Amino acid sequence: MNNRQQLKKKIDNQVKRIKKAEHDDRPNLPSIGTLGLVMVLPVIAGVYLGHWLDDMVEGYSTHWTLSLLFAGLVIGIFNVYFLIKD
């Protein structure tokens, strides 16, 4: 085989892989990572904000922390739903 034929064969193989990947329905790793991030970030933000608000109140309180943890969880679930929906 000469160089031109080898190059054509490599390009054909890459085109086949790209077409196969376009029709493959499995989620790829970056999209799974994005889903995790979209789910976890609102939860973490809610916990930190709730903890900060609870520190402002005298005595031991977890009212804001638990409330904003739940709110972050709900927001994270909606984020994942809307990201997957498209």
C-alpha atoms as a PDB file:
ATOM      1  CA  MET A   1       0.000   0.000   0.000  1.00  0.00           C
ATOM      2  CA  ASN A   2       1.199   3.428  -0.725  1.00  0.00           C
ATOM      3  CA  ASN A   3       0.744   6.421   1.546  1.00  0.00           C
ATOM      4  CA  ARG A   4      -2.337   7.656  -0.267  1.00  0.00           C
ATOM      5  CA  GLN A   5      -4.175   4.351   0.206  1.00  0.00           C
ATOM      6  CA  GLN A   6      -3.203   4.176   3.876  1.00  0.00           C
ATOM      7  CA  LEU A   7      -4.461   7.700   4.442  1.00  0.00           C
ATOM      8  CA  LYS A   8      -7.734   6.917   2.658  1.00  0.00           C
ATOM      9  CA  LYS A   9      -8.192   3.792   4.797  1.00  0.00           C
ATOM     10  CA  LYS A  10      -7.567   5.749   8.040  1.00  0.00           C
ATOM     11  CA  ILE A  11     -10.013   8.466   7.016  1.00  0.00           C
ATOM     12  CA  ASP A  12     -12.672   5.893   6.093  1.00  0.00           C
ATOM     13  CA  ASN A  13     -12.255   4.207   9.479  1.00  0.00           C
ATOM     14  CA  GLN A  14     -12.612   7.531  11.289  1.00  0.00           C
ATOM     15  CA  VAL A  15     -15.724   8.420   9.289  1.00  0.00           C
ATOM     16  CA  LYS A  16     -17.265   5.048  10.210  1.00  0.00           C
ATOM     17  CA  ARG A  17     -16.486   5.628  13.916  1.00  0.00           C
ATOM     18  CA  ILE A  18     -18.002   9.114  13.812  1.00  0.00           C
ATOM     19  CA  LYS A  19     -21.186   7.874  12.108  1.00  0.00           C
ATOM     20  CA  LYS A  20     -21.478   5.034  14.622  1.00  0.00           C
ATOM     21  CA  ALA A  21     -21.024   7.460  17.524  1.00  0.00           C
ATOM     22  CA  GLU A  22     -23.772   9.721  16.147  1.00  0.00           C
ATOM     23  CA  HIS A  23     -26.262   6.845  16.244  1.00  0.00           C
ATOM     24  CA  ASP A  24     -25.106   5.489  19.597  1.00  0.00           C
ATOM     25  CA  ASP A  25     -27.642   6.323  22.331  1.00  0.00           C
ATOM     26  CA  ARG A  26     -25.366   5.704  25.306  1.00  0.00           C
ATOM     27  CA  PRO A  27     -24.502   8.828  27.315  1.00  0.00           C
ATOM     28  CA  ASN A  28     -20.884   9.792  27.119  1.00  0.00           C
ATOM     29  CA  LEU A  29     -18.717  10.574  30.127  1.00  0.00           C
ATOM     30  CA  PRO A  30     -18.813  14.396  29.907  1.00  0.00           C
ATOM     31  CA  SER A  31     -22.610  14.425  29.863  1.00  0.00           C
ATOM     32  CA  ILE A  32     -22.744  12.184  32.941  1.00  0.00           C
ATOM     33  CA  GLY A  33     -20.317  14.513  34.703  1.00  0.00           C
ATOM     34  CA  THR A  34     -22.420  17.508  33.738  1.00  0.00           C
ATOM     35  CA  LEU A  35     -25.541  15.844  35.118  1.00  0.00           C
ATOM     36  CA  GLY A  36     -23.790  15.175  38.402  1.00  0.00           C
ATOM     37  CA  LEU A  37     -22.558  18.737  38.647  1.00  0.00           C
ATOM     38  CA  VAL A  38     -25.967  20.197  37.811  1.00  0.00           C
ATOM     39  CA  MET A  39     -27.496  18.011  40.529  1.00  0.00           C
ATOM     40  CA  VAL A  40     -24.921  18.520  43.287  1.00  0.00           C
ATOM     41  CA  LEU A  41     -24.099  22.235  43.028  1.00  0.00           C
ATOM     42  CA  PRO A  42     -27.537  23.534  44.119  1.00  0.00           C
ATOM     43  CA  VAL A  43     -27.511  21.120  47.069  1.00  0.00           C
ATOM     44  CA  ILE A  44     -24.074  22.265  48.225  1.00  0.00           C
ATOM     45  CA  ALA A  45     -24.975  25.922  47.747  1.00  0.00           C
ATOM     46  CA  GLY A  46     -28.166  25.423  49.765  1.00  0.00           C
ATOM     47  CA  VAL A  47     -26.318  23.722  52.622  1.00  0.00           C
ATOM     48  CA  TYR A  48     -23.653  26.437  52.810  1.00  0.00           C
ATOM     49  CA  LEU A  49     -26.176  29.249  52.665  1.00  0.00           C
ATOM     50  CA  GLY A  50     -28.394  27.534  55.243  1.00  0.00           C
ATOM     51  CA  HIS A  51     -25.465  26.932  57.575  1.00  0.00           C
ATOM     52  CA  TRP A  52     -24.442  30.575  57.296  1.00  0.00           C
ATOM     53  CA  LEU A  53     -27.991  31.720  58.065  1.00  0.00           C
ATOM     54  CA  ASP A  54     -28.214  29.307  61.021  1.00  0.00           C
ATOM     55  CA  ASP A  55     -24.967  30.739  62.422  1.00  0.00           C
ATOM     56  CA  MET A  56     -26.602  34.171  62.459  1.00  0.00           C
ATOM     57  CA  VAL A  57     -29.309  32.883  64.839  1.00  0.00           C
ATOM     58  CA  GLU A  58     -28.521  32.519  68.556  1.00  0.00           C
ATOM     59  CA  GLY A  59     -28.463  28.954  69.859  1.00  0.00           C
ATOM     60  CA  TYR A  60     -28.274  25.691  67.974  1.00  0.00           C
ATOM     61  CA  SER A  61     -30.490  25.669  64.911  1.00  0.00           C
ATOM     62  CA  THR A  62     -30.614  23.650  61.720  1.00  0.00           C
ATOM     63  CA  HIS A  63     -33.838  25.084  60.345  1.00  0.00           C
ATOM     64  CA  TRP A  64     -32.285  26.996  57.441  1.00  0.00           C
ATOM     65  CA  THR A  65     -29.729  24.297  56.650  1.00  0.00           C
ATOM     66  CA  LEU A  66     -32.342  21.576  56.296  1.00  0.00           C
ATOM     67  CA  SER A  67     -34.790  23.820  54.446  1.00  0.00           C
ATOM     68  CA  LEU A  68     -32.231  24.976  51.900  1.00  0.00           C
ATOM     69  CA  LEU A  69     -30.828  21.450  51.567  1.00  0.00           C
ATOM     70  CA  PHE A  70     -34.281  20.293  50.507  1.00  0.00           C
ATOM     71  CA  ALA A  71     -34.712  23.308  48.195  1.00  0.00           C
ATOM     72  CA  GLY A  72     -31.316  22.600  46.578  1.00  0.00           C
ATOM     73  CA  LEU A  73     -32.293  18.975  46.067  1.00  0.00           C
ATOM     74  CA  VAL A  74     -35.528  19.975  44.344  1.00  0.00           C
ATOM     75  CA  ILE A  75     -33.712  22.510  42.146  1.00  0.00           C
ATOM     76  CA  GLY A  76     -31.066  19.907  41.274  1.00  0.00           C
ATOM     77  CA  ILE A  77     -33.721  17.388  40.253  1.00  0.00           C
ATOM     78  CA  PHE A  78     -35.419  19.968  38.028  1.00  0.00           C
ATOM     79  CA  ASN A  79     -32.043  20.895  36.495  1.00  0.00           C
ATOM     80  CA  VAL A  80     -31.312  17.262  35.613  1.00  0.00           C
ATOM     81  CA  TYR A  81     -34.827  16.782  34.233  1.00  0.00           C
ATOM     82  CA  PHE A  82     -34.594  19.823  31.954  1.00  0.00           C
ATOM     83  CA  LEU A  83     -31.087  18.872  30.814  1.00  0.00           C
ATOM     84  CA  ILE A  84     -32.125  15.308  29.919  1.00  0.00           C
ATOM     85  CA  LYS A  85     -35.417  16.400  28.365  1.00  0.00           C
ATOM     86  CA  ASP A  86     -33.707  17.987  25.335  1.00  0.00           C
END
